[in-house]
All heavy atoms as atom14 arrays in JSON, in Angstrom:
{
  "sequence": "VRLSNFLLWQAAYAEMSFLDVLWPDFTPEH",
  "atom14_mask": [
    [1, 1, 1, 1, 1, 1, 1, 0, 0, 0, 0, 0, 0, 0],
    [1, 1, 1, 1, 1, 1, 1, 1, 1, 1, 1, 0, 0, 0],
    [1, 1, 1, 1, 1, 1, 1, 1, 0, 0, 0, 0, 0, 0],
    [1, 1, 1, 1, 1, 1, 0, 0, 0, 0, 0, 0, 0, 0],
    [1, 1, 1, 1, 1, 1, 1, 1, 0, 0, 0, 0, 0, 0],
    [1, 1, 1, 1, 1, 1, 1, 1, 1, 1, 1, 0, 0, 0],
    [1, 1, 1, 1, 1, 1, 1, 1, 0, 0, 0, 0, 0, 0],
    [1, 1, 1, 1, 1, 1, 1, 1, 0, 0, 0, 0, 0, 0],
    [1, 1, 1, 1, 1, 1, 1, 1, 1, 1, 1, 1, 1, 1],
    [1, 1, 1, 1, 1, 1, 1, 1, 1, 0, 0, 0, 0, 0],
    [1, 1, 1, 1, 1, 0, 0, 0, 0, 0, 0, 0, 0, 0],
    [1, 1, 1, 1, 1, 0, 0, 0, 0, 0, 0, 0, 0, 0],
    [1, 1, 1, 1, 1, 1, 1, 1, 1, 1, 1, 1, 0, 0],
    [1, 1, 1, 1, 1, 0, 0, 0, 0, 0, 0, 0, 0, 0],
    [1, 1, 1, 1, 1, 1, 1, 1, 1, 0, 0, 0, 0, 0],
    [1, 1, 1, 1, 1, 1, 1, 1, 0, 0, 0, 0, 0, 0],
    [1, 1, 1, 1, 1, 1, 0, 0, 0, 0, 0, 0, 0, 0],
    [1, 1, 1, 1, 1, 1, 1, 1, 1, 1, 1, 0, 0, 0],
    [1, 1, 1, 1, 1, 1, 1, 1, 0, 0, 0, 0, 0, 0],
    [1, 1, 1, 1, 1, 1, 1, 1, 0, 0, 0, 0, 0, 0],
    [1, 1, 1, 1, 1, 1, 1, 0, 0, 0, 0, 0, 0, 0],
    [1, 1, 1, 1, 1, 1, 1, 1, 0, 0, 0, 0, 0, 0],
    [1, 1, 1, 1, 1, 1, 1, 1, 1, 1, 1, 1, 1, 1],
    [1, 1, 1, 1, 1, 1, 1, 0, 0, 0, 0, 0, 0, 0],
    [1, 1, 1, 1, 1, 1, 1, 1, 0, 0, 0, 0, 0, 0],
    [1, 1, 1, 1, 1, 1, 1, 1, 1, 1, 1, 0, 0, 0],
    [1, 1, 1, 1, 1, 1, 1, 0, 0, 0, 0, 0, 0, 0],
    [1, 1, 1, 1, 1, 1, 1, 0, 0, 0, 0, 0, 0, 0],
    [1, 1, 1, 1, 1, 1, 1, 1, 1, 0, 0, 0, 0, 0],
    [1, 1, 1, 1, 1, 1, 1, 1, 1, 1, 0, 0, 0, 0]
  ],
  "atom14_positions": [
    [[17.87, 211.64, 288.71], [16.88, 211.97, 289.81], [16.14, 210.7, 290.26], [14.97, 210.51, 289.99], [15.87, 213.06, 289.39], [15.07, 213.58, 290.59], [16.69, 214.26, 288.78], [0.0, 0.0, 0.0], [0.0, 0.0, 0.0], [0.0, 0.0, 0.0], [0.0, 0.0, 0.0], [0.0, 0.0, 0.0], [0.0, 0.0, 0.0], [0.0, 0.0, 0.0]],
    [[16.85, 209.8, 290.88], [16.36, 208.58, 291.39], [17.33, 207.99, 292.43], [18.48, 208.38, 292.43], [16.06, 207.54, 290.28], [17.32, 207.17, 289.47], [16.96, 206.11, 288.41], [18.15, 205.72, 287.68], [18.57, 206.32, 286.57], [17.9, 207.38, 286.06], [19.69, 205.94, 285.95], [0.0, 0.0, 0.0], [0.0, 0.0, 0.0], [0.0, 0.0, 0.0]],
    [[16.84, 207.05, 293.25], [17.67, 206.55, 294.34], [18.45, 205.3, 293.9], [19.45, 205.0, 294.56], [16.81, 206.19, 295.54], [16.07, 207.4, 296.16], [15.38, 206.93, 297.49], [17.05, 208.51, 296.47], [0.0, 0.0, 0.0], [0.0, 0.0, 0.0], [0.0, 0.0, 0.0], [0.0, 0.0, 0.0], [0.0, 0.0, 0.0], [0.0, 0.0, 0.0]],
    [[17.99, 204.59, 292.88], [18.74, 203.45, 292.34], [19.12, 202.43, 293.4], [20.29, 202.03, 293.54], [20.01, 203.92, 291.57], [19.59, 204.63, 290.42], [0.0, 0.0, 0.0], [0.0, 0.0, 0.0], [0.0, 0.0, 0.0], [0.0, 0.0, 0.0], [0.0, 0.0, 0.0], [0.0, 0.0, 0.0], [0.0, 0.0, 0.0], [0.0, 0.0, 0.0]],
    [[18.13, 202.05, 294.24], [18.32, 200.94, 295.18], [19.38, 201.3, 296.27], [20.07, 200.4, 296.73], [18.73, 199.65, 294.46], [18.33, 198.41, 295.23], [17.54, 198.45, 296.17], [18.9, 197.31, 294.83], [0.0, 0.0, 0.0], [0.0, 0.0, 0.0], [0.0, 0.0, 0.0], [0.0, 0.0, 0.0], [0.0, 0.0, 0.0], [0.0, 0.0, 0.0]],
    [[19.43, 202.56, 296.66], [20.33, 202.97, 297.69], [19.63, 203.53, 298.93], [18.89, 204.45, 298.85], [21.28, 204.05, 297.14], [22.37, 204.51, 298.08], [23.24, 203.61, 298.66], [22.5, 205.83, 298.41], [24.19, 204.0, 299.55], [23.47, 206.29, 299.24], [24.32, 205.36, 299.85], [0.0, 0.0, 0.0], [0.0, 0.0, 0.0], [0.0, 0.0, 0.0]],
    [[19.83, 202.87, 300.05], [19.32, 203.35, 301.38], [17.83, 203.68, 301.3], [17.38, 204.73, 301.81], [20.16, 204.56, 301.83], [21.6, 204.33, 302.07], [22.29, 205.6, 302.51], [21.86, 203.22, 303.06], [0.0, 0.0, 0.0], [0.0, 0.0, 0.0], [0.0, 0.0, 0.0], [0.0, 0.0, 0.0], [0.0, 0.0, 0.0], [0.0, 0.0, 0.0]],
    [[17.03, 202.81, 300.71], [15.62, 203.13, 300.51], [14.88, 203.2, 301.9], [14.1, 204.15, 302.13], [14.93, 202.0, 299.68], [15.53, 201.78, 298.28], [14.79, 200.63, 297.58], [15.44, 203.05, 297.44], [0.0, 0.0, 0.0], [0.0, 0.0, 0.0], [0.0, 0.0, 0.0], [0.0, 0.0, 0.0], [0.0, 0.0, 0.0], [0.0, 0.0, 0.0]],
    [[15.17, 202.3, 302.78], [14.54, 202.34, 304.11], [15.03, 203.57, 304.86], [14.25, 204.3, 305.43], [14.91, 201.06, 304.85], [14.33, 200.97, 306.23], [14.79, 201.59, 307.38], [13.18, 200.22, 306.67], [14.04, 201.26, 308.43], [13.03, 200.44, 308.05], [12.28, 199.36, 305.95], [12.02, 199.82, 308.78], [11.29, 198.74, 306.73], [11.14, 198.98, 308.07]],
    [[16.33, 203.75, 304.83], [16.93, 204.81, 305.64], [16.55, 206.2, 305.12], [16.57, 207.2, 305.92], [18.49, 204.69, 305.58], [19.01, 203.43, 306.19], [19.04, 202.23, 305.26], [18.37, 202.25, 304.24], [19.79, 201.22, 305.58], [0.0, 0.0, 0.0], [0.0, 0.0, 0.0], [0.0, 0.0, 0.0], [0.0, 0.0, 0.0], [0.0, 0.0, 0.0]],
    [[16.12, 206.33, 303.86], [15.86, 207.64, 303.27], [14.41, 208.02, 303.47], [13.95, 209.07, 302.96], [16.12, 207.59, 301.74], [0.0, 0.0, 0.0], [0.0, 0.0, 0.0], [0.0, 0.0, 0.0], [0.0, 0.0, 0.0], [0.0, 0.0, 0.0], [0.0, 0.0, 0.0], [0.0, 0.0, 0.0], [0.0, 0.0, 0.0], [0.0, 0.0, 0.0]],
    [[13.62, 207.32, 304.33], [12.19, 207.56, 304.5], [11.95, 209.05, 304.81], [10.99, 209.62, 304.3], [11.65, 206.69, 305.59], [0.0, 0.0, 0.0], [0.0, 0.0, 0.0], [0.0, 0.0, 0.0], [0.0, 0.0, 0.0], [0.0, 0.0, 0.0], [0.0, 0.0, 0.0], [0.0, 0.0, 0.0], [0.0, 0.0, 0.0], [0.0, 0.0, 0.0]],
    [[12.76, 209.66, 305.63], [12.55, 211.03, 306.02], [13.85, 211.86, 305.82], [13.98, 212.98, 306.31], [12.16, 211.19, 307.47], [10.73, 210.73, 307.71], [10.47, 209.48, 308.27], [9.66, 211.45, 307.29], [9.14, 208.97, 308.43], [8.33, 211.08, 307.44], [8.12, 209.81, 308.05], [6.8, 209.37, 308.2], [0.0, 0.0, 0.0], [0.0, 0.0, 0.0]],
    [[14.73, 211.34, 304.98], [15.93, 212.14, 304.64], [15.64, 213.21, 303.71], [14.7, 213.13, 302.83], [16.98, 211.19, 304.08], [0.0, 0.0, 0.0], [0.0, 0.0, 0.0], [0.0, 0.0, 0.0], [0.0, 0.0, 0.0], [0.0, 0.0, 0.0], [0.0, 0.0, 0.0], [0.0, 0.0, 0.0], [0.0, 0.0, 0.0], [0.0, 0.0, 0.0]],
    [[16.39, 214.28, 303.69], [16.36, 215.31, 302.7], [17.22, 214.82, 301.53], [18.15, 214.04, 301.72], [16.92, 216.6, 303.22], [16.1, 217.25, 304.35], [14.69, 217.61, 303.89], [14.58, 218.25, 302.84], [13.74, 217.35, 304.64], [0.0, 0.0, 0.0], [0.0, 0.0, 0.0], [0.0, 0.0, 0.0], [0.0, 0.0, 0.0], [0.0, 0.0, 0.0]],
    [[16.87, 215.27, 300.32], [17.57, 214.8, 299.14], [18.1, 215.95, 298.27], [17.44, 217.02, 298.26], [16.65, 213.91, 298.31], [16.27, 212.66, 299.05], [15.35, 211.5, 298.07], [14.74, 210.38, 299.35], [0.0, 0.0, 0.0], [0.0, 0.0, 0.0], [0.0, 0.0, 0.0], [0.0, 0.0, 0.0], [0.0, 0.0, 0.0], [0.0, 0.0, 0.0]],
    [[19.18, 215.72, 297.67], [19.79, 216.75, 296.78], [20.32, 216.06, 295.51], [21.09, 215.12, 295.63], [20.93, 217.44, 297.5], [21.54, 218.45, 296.72], [0.0, 0.0, 0.0], [0.0, 0.0, 0.0], [0.0, 0.0, 0.0], [0.0, 0.0, 0.0], [0.0, 0.0, 0.0], [0.0, 0.0, 0.0], [0.0, 0.0, 0.0], [0.0, 0.0, 0.0]],
    [[19.74, 216.49, 294.39], [20.15, 215.87, 293.11], [20.96, 216.93, 292.35], [20.36, 217.98, 292.0], [18.97, 215.42, 292.32], [18.19, 214.32, 293.04], [17.1, 214.62, 293.82], [18.59, 213.0, 292.94], [16.39, 213.63, 294.51], [17.92, 211.97, 293.6], [16.79, 212.3, 294.37], [0.0, 0.0, 0.0], [0.0, 0.0, 0.0], [0.0, 0.0, 0.0]],
    [[22.21, 216.68, 292.11], [23.11, 217.68, 291.5], [23.48, 217.31, 290.08], [23.83, 216.15, 289.82], [24.36, 217.82, 292.34], [24.15, 218.15, 293.86], [25.5, 218.26, 294.53], [23.31, 219.48, 294.0], [0.0, 0.0, 0.0], [0.0, 0.0, 0.0], [0.0, 0.0, 0.0], [0.0, 0.0, 0.0], [0.0, 0.0, 0.0], [0.0, 0.0, 0.0]],
    [[23.54, 218.3, 289.24], [23.93, 218.11, 287.82], [25.42, 218.27, 287.68], [25.92, 219.07, 286.92], [23.16, 219.09, 286.96], [23.31, 218.72, 285.49], [23.61, 217.55, 285.13], [23.09, 219.62, 284.63], [0.0, 0.0, 0.0], [0.0, 0.0, 0.0], [0.0, 0.0, 0.0], [0.0, 0.0, 0.0], [0.0, 0.0, 0.0], [0.0, 0.0, 0.0]],
    [[26.15, 217.45, 288.5], [27.63, 217.48, 288.52], [28.08, 216.02, 288.41], [27.64, 215.21, 289.2], [28.16, 218.08, 289.83], [29.72, 218.06, 289.82], [27.66, 219.51, 289.98], [0.0, 0.0, 0.0], [0.0, 0.0, 0.0], [0.0, 0.0, 0.0], [0.0, 0.0, 0.0], [0.0, 0.0, 0.0], [0.0, 0.0, 0.0], [0.0, 0.0, 0.0]],
    [[28.95, 215.71, 287.5], [29.48, 214.37, 287.36], [30.46, 214.16, 288.55], [31.14, 215.01, 288.97], [30.23, 214.16, 286.06], [29.39, 214.37, 284.77], [30.24, 214.3, 283.53], [28.28, 213.38, 284.69], [0.0, 0.0, 0.0], [0.0, 0.0, 0.0], [0.0, 0.0, 0.0], [0.0, 0.0, 0.0], [0.0, 0.0, 0.0], [0.0, 0.0, 0.0]],
    [[30.45, 212.9, 289.08], [31.13, 212.68, 290.31], [32.56, 213.06, 290.31], [33.06, 213.65, 291.29], [31.0, 211.16, 290.74], [31.86, 210.91, 291.95], [33.0, 210.21, 292.01], [31.55, 211.35, 293.27], [33.5, 210.25, 293.33], [32.63, 210.95, 294.04], [30.56, 212.18, 293.84], [32.71, 211.25, 295.45], [30.62, 212.46, 295.18], [31.69, 212.03, 295.98]],
    [[33.35, 212.78, 289.25], [34.77, 213.22, 289.28], [34.95, 214.72, 289.43], [36.03, 215.18, 289.94], [35.35, 212.78, 287.93], [34.46, 211.63, 287.58], [33.1, 212.02, 288.06], [0.0, 0.0, 0.0], [0.0, 0.0, 0.0], [0.0, 0.0, 0.0], [0.0, 0.0, 0.0], [0.0, 0.0, 0.0], [0.0, 0.0, 0.0], [0.0, 0.0, 0.0]],
    [[33.92, 215.48, 289.15], [34.01, 216.96, 289.28], [33.43, 217.41, 290.65], [33.41, 218.62, 290.94], [33.25, 217.66, 288.18], [33.89, 217.45, 286.81], [35.14, 217.36, 286.81], [33.18, 217.35, 285.84], [0.0, 0.0, 0.0], [0.0, 0.0, 0.0], [0.0, 0.0, 0.0], [0.0, 0.0, 0.0], [0.0, 0.0, 0.0], [0.0, 0.0, 0.0]],
    [[32.91, 216.48, 291.43], [32.32, 216.86, 292.76], [33.4, 217.21, 293.7], [34.36, 216.44, 293.89], [31.48, 215.68, 293.24], [30.61, 215.99, 294.42], [29.37, 216.59, 294.31], [31.07, 215.7, 295.72], [28.6, 216.87, 295.39], [30.32, 215.99, 296.85], [29.07, 216.59, 296.72], [0.0, 0.0, 0.0], [0.0, 0.0, 0.0], [0.0, 0.0, 0.0]],
    [[33.27, 218.31, 294.35], [34.32, 218.82, 295.27], [33.73, 219.04, 296.7], [32.52, 219.06, 296.9], [34.82, 220.21, 294.75], [33.76, 221.18, 294.85], [35.31, 220.12, 293.33], [0.0, 0.0, 0.0], [0.0, 0.0, 0.0], [0.0, 0.0, 0.0], [0.0, 0.0, 0.0], [0.0, 0.0, 0.0], [0.0, 0.0, 0.0], [0.0, 0.0, 0.0]],
    [[34.61, 219.25, 297.7], [34.13, 219.58, 298.99], [33.23, 220.79, 298.96], [32.34, 220.95, 299.83], [35.4, 219.77, 299.8], [36.43, 218.9, 299.12], [36.13, 218.99, 297.67], [0.0, 0.0, 0.0], [0.0, 0.0, 0.0], [0.0, 0.0, 0.0], [0.0, 0.0, 0.0], [0.0, 0.0, 0.0], [0.0, 0.0, 0.0], [0.0, 0.0, 0.0]],
    [[33.47, 221.72, 298.06], [32.66, 222.91, 297.98], [31.2, 222.59, 297.58], [30.23, 223.18, 298.09], [33.26, 223.94, 296.97], [34.53, 224.57, 297.45], [35.75, 223.68, 297.44], [35.76, 222.71, 296.69], [36.67, 223.93, 298.27], [0.0, 0.0, 0.0], [0.0, 0.0, 0.0], [0.0, 0.0, 0.0], [0.0, 0.0, 0.0], [0.0, 0.0, 0.0]],
    [[31.07, 221.58, 296.65], [29.7, 221.13, 296.31], [29.02, 220.51, 297.57], [27.78, 220.72, 297.79], [29.77, 220.08, 295.22], [30.1, 220.63, 293.9], [31.3, 220.38, 293.27], [29.4, 221.35, 293.04], [31.3, 220.96, 292.09], [30.18, 221.58, 291.88], [0.0, 0.0, 0.0], [0.0, 0.0, 0.0], [0.0, 0.0, 0.0], [0.0, 0.0, 0.0]]
  ]
}
C-alpha cells in the first residue's frame, strides 16, 4: 500500500486501488 516512486505528480487526483493479488495472478477480470 504505497506508490514506490511511481507517477507521484500524475497521481495528485487519481483514484487508487491496492489489491492483494500477486502480479502473475492478475487477470483482465481483476
